[in-house]
Amino acid sequence: MSTRLDKRFAAQHAEGRATFVTFITAGDPDFDATLEILKGLPGAGADVIELGMPFTDPMADGPAIQASSQRALRGGATMLKTLDLVRRFREGDSETPIVLMGYYNPIYHMGVETFLHAAVTAGVDGLIVVDLPPEEDDELCVPAMEAGLNFIRLATPTTDDKRLPAVLAHTSGFVYYVSINGITGSASPQANDVAAAVSRIKRHTSLPVAVGFGIKTPEQAAEISHAADGAVVGSAIVGEIEKELDENGKLKAGGAARVLDIVRRLADGVHQARVAAAE
């Protein structure tokens, strides 16, 4: 069965364009601000949305996303509110794929079966859970797949050909290639290195490969989009949200629109790159 993620990547590929994947943290800085930005992302050029599940110890994330998670938690974010954001988004958008990204702990505490039922009912399309290795697929990955959700795995520069088959075994939707070693937002990817890595991964799978970590500018997004099926931008967008907060930690008037302007420029970089390459 073809999922929203499958359809979106296929449609972008058919148009000769890379897929632009955006990340924001649910509840950052509060529910209403997130919902306003979330609803605006597709119109600003986001093809797929990753919605971060706030967690107290986001160990794989850099300072910008860690701070966003703390802001969200201070603002009262919970897993139920995160799922409610998806539900509210789905009231006006039945096409844009939404992937929940984060850590296993909040899912475990909610209960896997309860969480999966609530996620599917809300309109979630896939999961990225960064701290569950393939060896623990029975914990969440297999039940998620049985519930109809895509389970997206991360591959890194240290994921060699021996390890890749295990990483890809139950992966669906797309492969998320982490282009640098380290935490999110800590460095910038090099296009030549990314192209070689994407080519190597594609020898093991027919899934699209989206590249993230360290993409901060439209120019970098364009460069990566020549080498991959998609570009993921998170820290740069989350950092713009932080810049738009007032002294009370609330989104300033017009702040959402200014964040979405940044998203639009990044989207133009992703989409124009592949159009130019195809001509």
Protein backbone atom coordinates (compact mmCIF):
# COMPACT_ATOMS: atom_id res chain seq x y z
CA MET A 1 0.00 0.00 0.00
CA SER A 2 1.33 3.41 -1.02
CA THR A 3 1.59 5.90 1.85
CA ARG A 4 1.49 9.69 1.81
CA LEU A 5 5.29 9.66 2.06
CA ASP A 6 5.64 7.29 -0.88
CA LYS A 7 3.32 9.43 -2.97
CA ARG A 8 5.04 12.70 -2.08
CA PHE A 9 8.57 11.53 -2.89
CA ALA A 10 7.32 9.91 -6.12
CA ALA A 11 5.50 13.08 -7.19
CA GLN A 12 8.53 15.27 -6.48
CA HIS A 13 10.78 12.87 -8.39
CA ALA A 14 8.39 12.87 -11.36
CA GLU A 15 8.63 16.68 -11.44
CA GLY A 16 12.43 16.55 -11.36
CA ARG A 17 12.56 18.11 -7.91
CA ALA A 18 14.08 17.09 -4.61
CA THR A 19 11.80 16.83 -1.60
CA PHE A 20 12.07 19.55 1.05
CA VAL A 21 11.68 18.16 4.57
CA THR A 22 11.26 20.66 7.42
CA PHE A 23 11.57 20.12 11.16
CA ILE A 24 9.97 22.06 14.00
CA THR A 25 9.42 21.06 17.62
CA ALA A 26 5.85 20.51 18.76
CA GLY A 27 4.85 23.14 21.32
CA ASP A 28 7.74 25.53 20.68
CA PRO A 29 7.21 28.02 22.23
CA ASP A 30 3.55 27.02 22.78
CA PHE A 31 0.71 25.13 21.15
CA ASP A 32 -0.86 28.03 19.24
CA ALA A 33 2.44 29.29 17.82
CA THR A 34 3.38 25.81 16.65
CA LEU A 35 -0.01 25.32 15.02
CA GLU A 36 0.27 28.62 13.14
CA ILE A 37 3.70 27.74 11.79
CA LEU A 38 2.74 24.12 11.14
CA LYS A 39 -0.26 25.14 9.05
CA GLY A 40 1.89 27.57 7.08
CA LEU A 41 4.72 25.17 6.22
CA PRO A 42 3.16 23.54 3.12
CA GLY A 43 2.36 26.92 1.59
CA ALA A 44 5.97 27.99 2.25
CA GLY A 45 7.25 25.01 0.26
CA ALA A 46 7.60 22.19 2.79
CA ASP A 47 6.91 18.86 1.10
CA VAL A 48 7.24 16.73 4.23
CA ILE A 49 7.06 17.90 7.85
CA GLU A 50 8.99 16.38 10.73
CA LEU A 51 7.40 17.30 14.05
CA GLY A 52 9.68 16.89 17.04
CA MET A 53 8.32 15.15 20.12
CA PRO A 54 9.62 17.24 23.08
CA PHE A 55 11.87 15.32 25.45
CA THR A 56 13.91 16.31 28.49
CA ASP A 57 17.15 14.74 27.23
CA PRO A 58 17.43 15.03 23.42
CA MET A 59 20.97 13.65 23.32
CA ALA A 60 21.40 13.54 19.53
CA ASP A 61 20.31 17.14 19.03
CA GLY A 62 22.36 20.29 19.05
CA PRO A 63 21.79 23.43 21.12
CA ALA A 64 19.05 24.92 18.93
CA ILE A 65 16.79 21.87 18.98
CA GLN A 66 17.59 21.09 22.62
CA ALA A 67 16.53 24.62 23.53
CA SER A 68 13.34 24.28 21.48
CA SER A 69 12.45 21.09 23.34
CA GLN A 70 12.98 22.83 26.69
CA ARG A 71 10.84 25.78 25.60
CA ALA A 72 8.08 23.43 24.51
CA LEU A 73 8.12 21.54 27.80
CA ARG A 74 8.02 24.80 29.76
CA GLY A 75 5.06 25.80 27.62
CA GLY A 76 3.15 22.69 28.65
CA ALA A 77 3.89 20.38 25.71
CA THR A 78 2.86 16.75 26.10
CA MET A 79 2.57 13.78 23.75
CA LEU A 80 -1.20 14.16 23.69
CA LYS A 81 -0.84 17.83 22.69
CA THR A 82 1.70 16.87 20.01
CA LEU A 83 -0.82 14.45 18.52
CA ASP A 84 -3.53 17.09 18.81
CA LEU A 85 -1.36 19.43 16.71
CA VAL A 86 -1.33 16.79 13.98
CA ARG A 87 -5.08 16.32 14.26
CA ARG A 88 -5.68 20.09 14.00
CA PHE A 89 -3.32 20.29 11.02
CA ARG A 90 -5.17 17.46 9.28
CA GLU A 91 -8.43 19.41 9.47
CA GLY A 92 -7.10 21.57 6.65
CA ASP A 93 -4.45 19.41 4.99
CA SER A 94 -4.93 15.76 4.04
CA GLU A 95 -1.94 15.53 1.69
CA THR A 96 1.27 16.72 3.40
CA PRO A 97 3.08 13.86 5.16
CA ILE A 98 3.87 14.34 8.85
CA VAL A 99 6.62 12.34 10.56
CA LEU A 100 7.04 12.40 14.33
CA MET A 101 10.70 12.53 15.29
CA GLY A 102 12.30 12.04 18.66
CA TYR A 103 13.10 9.50 21.35
CA TYR A 104 11.50 6.32 22.61
CA ASN A 105 11.00 7.35 26.23
CA PRO A 106 7.81 9.46 25.77
CA ILE A 107 6.31 6.74 23.55
CA TYR A 108 7.18 4.03 26.07
CA HIS A 109 5.57 5.98 28.90
CA MET A 110 2.38 6.48 26.89
CA GLY A 111 2.35 2.81 25.94
CA VAL A 112 3.26 1.63 22.44
CA GLU A 113 -0.19 0.32 21.53
CA THR A 114 -1.94 3.42 22.86
CA PHE A 115 0.52 5.73 21.13
CA LEU A 116 0.32 4.00 17.76
CA HIS A 117 -3.47 4.01 17.76
CA ALA A 118 -3.54 7.69 18.70
CA ALA A 119 -0.88 8.57 16.10
CA VAL A 120 -2.69 6.83 13.26
CA THR A 121 -6.02 8.35 14.32
CA ALA A 122 -4.47 11.85 14.43
CA GLY A 123 -3.03 11.49 10.91
CA VAL A 124 0.65 10.76 11.51
CA ASP A 125 2.41 9.09 8.58
CA GLY A 126 5.73 7.94 9.99
CA LEU A 127 8.16 7.81 12.88
CA ILE A 128 11.84 8.57 13.35
CA VAL A 129 13.00 7.31 16.75
CA VAL A 130 16.69 7.96 17.01
CA ASP A 131 17.55 5.85 20.04
CA LEU A 132 16.04 2.51 19.00
CA PRO A 133 18.55 0.40 17.04
CA PRO A 134 17.44 -2.27 14.52
CA GLU A 135 18.16 -4.95 17.11
CA GLU A 136 15.12 -3.68 19.04
CA ASP A 137 12.69 -3.53 16.11
CA ASP A 138 10.11 -5.57 17.98
CA GLU A 139 9.78 -2.76 20.56
CA LEU A 140 8.25 -0.20 18.19
CA CYS A 141 9.31 -0.55 14.56
CA VAL A 142 7.42 -3.75 13.73
CA PRO A 143 4.24 -2.72 15.60
CA ALA A 144 4.37 0.68 13.87
CA MET A 145 4.65 -0.94 10.46
CA GLU A 146 1.74 -3.25 11.29
CA ALA A 147 -0.29 -0.15 12.25
CA GLY A 148 0.39 1.36 8.80
CA LEU A 149 3.10 3.85 9.73
CA ASN A 150 6.38 4.28 7.90
CA PHE A 151 9.42 3.75 10.12
CA ILE A 152 12.35 5.86 8.92
CA ARG A 153 15.89 4.91 9.87
CA LEU A 154 18.98 7.07 10.11
CA ALA A 155 22.19 6.15 8.31
CA THR A 156 25.42 7.99 9.14
CA PRO A 157 28.93 8.35 7.69
CA THR A 158 29.96 5.48 9.99
CA THR A 159 27.20 3.12 8.79
CA ASP A 160 29.27 0.79 6.62
CA ASP A 161 28.13 -1.73 4.00
CA LYS A 162 28.09 -4.49 6.60
CA ARG A 163 25.73 -2.53 8.88
CA LEU A 164 23.46 -1.02 6.20
CA PRO A 165 21.31 -4.14 5.55
CA ALA A 166 20.31 -4.25 9.23
CA VAL A 167 19.51 -0.52 9.22
CA LEU A 168 17.44 -0.84 6.05
CA ALA A 169 15.66 -4.10 6.88
CA HIS A 170 12.43 -2.51 8.13
CA THR A 171 12.93 1.03 6.85
CA SER A 172 10.17 2.53 4.72
CA GLY A 173 9.16 5.94 3.40
CA PHE A 174 12.71 7.19 3.00
CA VAL A 175 16.19 6.81 4.42
CA TYR A 176 17.43 9.75 6.47
CA TYR A 177 21.15 10.19 5.85
CA VAL A 178 22.88 12.11 8.64
CA SER A 179 25.54 13.89 6.63
CA ILE A 180 27.93 14.67 9.48
CA ASN A 181 29.12 12.92 12.60
CA GLY A 182 27.92 14.56 15.79
CA ILE A 183 24.84 16.44 16.94
CA THR A 184 22.36 18.37 14.82
CA GLY A 185 23.41 21.81 13.64
CA SER A 186 27.06 21.28 14.54
CA ALA A 187 28.69 21.50 11.08
CA SER A 188 27.90 21.81 7.38
CA PRO A 189 27.78 18.86 4.98
CA GLN A 190 30.07 18.62 1.97
CA ALA A 191 28.25 17.93 -1.29
CA ASN A 192 30.88 15.57 -2.71
CA ASP A 193 30.88 13.45 0.43
CA VAL A 194 27.08 13.41 0.46
CA ALA A 195 26.86 12.35 -3.19
CA ALA A 196 29.19 9.43 -2.59
CA ALA A 197 27.29 8.37 0.53
CA VAL A 198 23.89 8.59 -1.16
CA SER A 199 25.18 6.52 -4.08
CA ARG A 200 26.46 3.87 -1.67
CA ILE A 201 23.16 3.70 0.23
CA LYS A 202 21.22 3.39 -3.03
CA ARG A 203 23.19 0.26 -3.87
CA HIS A 204 21.35 -1.33 -0.93
CA THR A 205 17.84 0.12 -1.32
CA SER A 206 15.36 1.58 -3.78
CA LEU A 207 14.04 4.00 -1.14
CA PRO A 208 14.56 7.76 -1.52
CA VAL A 209 17.45 9.19 0.49
CA ALA A 210 16.96 12.52 2.25
CA VAL A 211 19.98 14.30 3.72
CA GLY A 212 19.96 16.33 6.92
CA PHE A 213 22.08 17.81 9.73
CA GLY A 214 23.95 21.04 9.11
CA ILE A 215 21.97 22.54 6.20
CA LYS A 216 21.52 26.19 7.12
CA THR A 217 21.20 28.25 3.92
CA PRO A 218 19.29 28.07 0.61
CA GLU A 219 22.64 27.64 -1.14
CA GLN A 220 23.57 24.64 0.98
CA ALA A 221 20.08 23.21 0.50
CA ALA A 222 20.44 23.56 -3.26
CA GLU A 223 23.88 21.95 -3.25
CA ILE A 224 22.69 18.95 -1.24
CA SER A 225 19.59 18.62 -3.43
CA HIS A 226 21.77 17.94 -6.46
CA ALA A 227 23.07 14.86 -4.68
CA ALA A 228 20.03 13.48 -2.85
CA ASP A 229 16.29 12.86 -3.19
CA GLY A 230 15.57 15.28 -0.39
CA ALA A 231 17.04 17.86 1.98
CA VAL A 232 16.10 18.11 5.66
CA VAL A 233 16.37 21.42 7.51
CA GLY A 234 15.70 21.63 11.24
CA SER A 235 18.13 23.64 13.35
CA ALA A 236 18.06 26.63 10.99
CA ILE A 237 14.26 26.86 11.17
CA VAL A 238 14.12 26.27 14.91
CA GLY A 239 16.79 28.94 15.34
CA GLU A 240 14.63 31.43 13.44
CA ILE A 241 11.71 30.65 15.75
CA GLU A 242 13.92 31.45 18.73
CA LYS A 243 14.89 34.79 17.19
CA GLU A 244 11.21 35.71 16.93
CA LEU A 245 10.47 35.29 20.64
CA ASP A 246 9.85 38.27 22.88
CA GLU A 247 11.20 38.78 26.40
CA ASN A 248 8.39 36.58 27.77
CA GLY A 249 9.24 33.72 25.44
CA LYS A 250 6.19 34.27 23.23
CA LEU A 251 6.16 34.57 19.45
CA LYS A 252 6.23 38.22 18.39
CA ALA A 253 3.51 39.66 16.17
CA GLY A 254 4.32 38.63 12.62
CA GLY A 255 6.91 36.15 13.87
CA ALA A 256 5.33 33.13 12.21
CA ALA A 257 5.23 34.90 8.85
CA ARG A 258 8.91 35.82 9.11
CA VAL A 259 9.85 32.22 10.01
CA LEU A 260 7.85 31.00 7.01
CA ASP A 261 9.69 33.48 4.77
CA ILE A 262 12.94 31.76 5.75
CA VAL A 263 11.35 28.38 5.01
CA ARG A 264 10.25 29.67 1.61
CA ARG A 265 13.79 30.70 0.68
CA LEU A 266 15.14 27.32 1.77
CA ALA A 267 12.41 25.58 -0.23
CA ASP A 268 13.32 27.60 -3.32
CA GLY A 269 16.90 26.42 -2.95
CA VAL A 270 15.84 22.78 -2.79
CA HIS A 271 13.32 22.91 -5.61
CA GLN A 272 15.21 25.11 -8.05
CA ALA A 273 18.33 22.99 -7.73
CA ARG A 274 16.70 19.90 -9.14
CA VAL A 275 14.76 21.79 -11.82
CA ALA A 276 18.02 23.36 -12.98
CA ALA A 277 19.77 19.99 -12.99
CA ALA A 278 17.00 18.45 -15.07
CA GLU A 279 17.05 21.12 -17.78
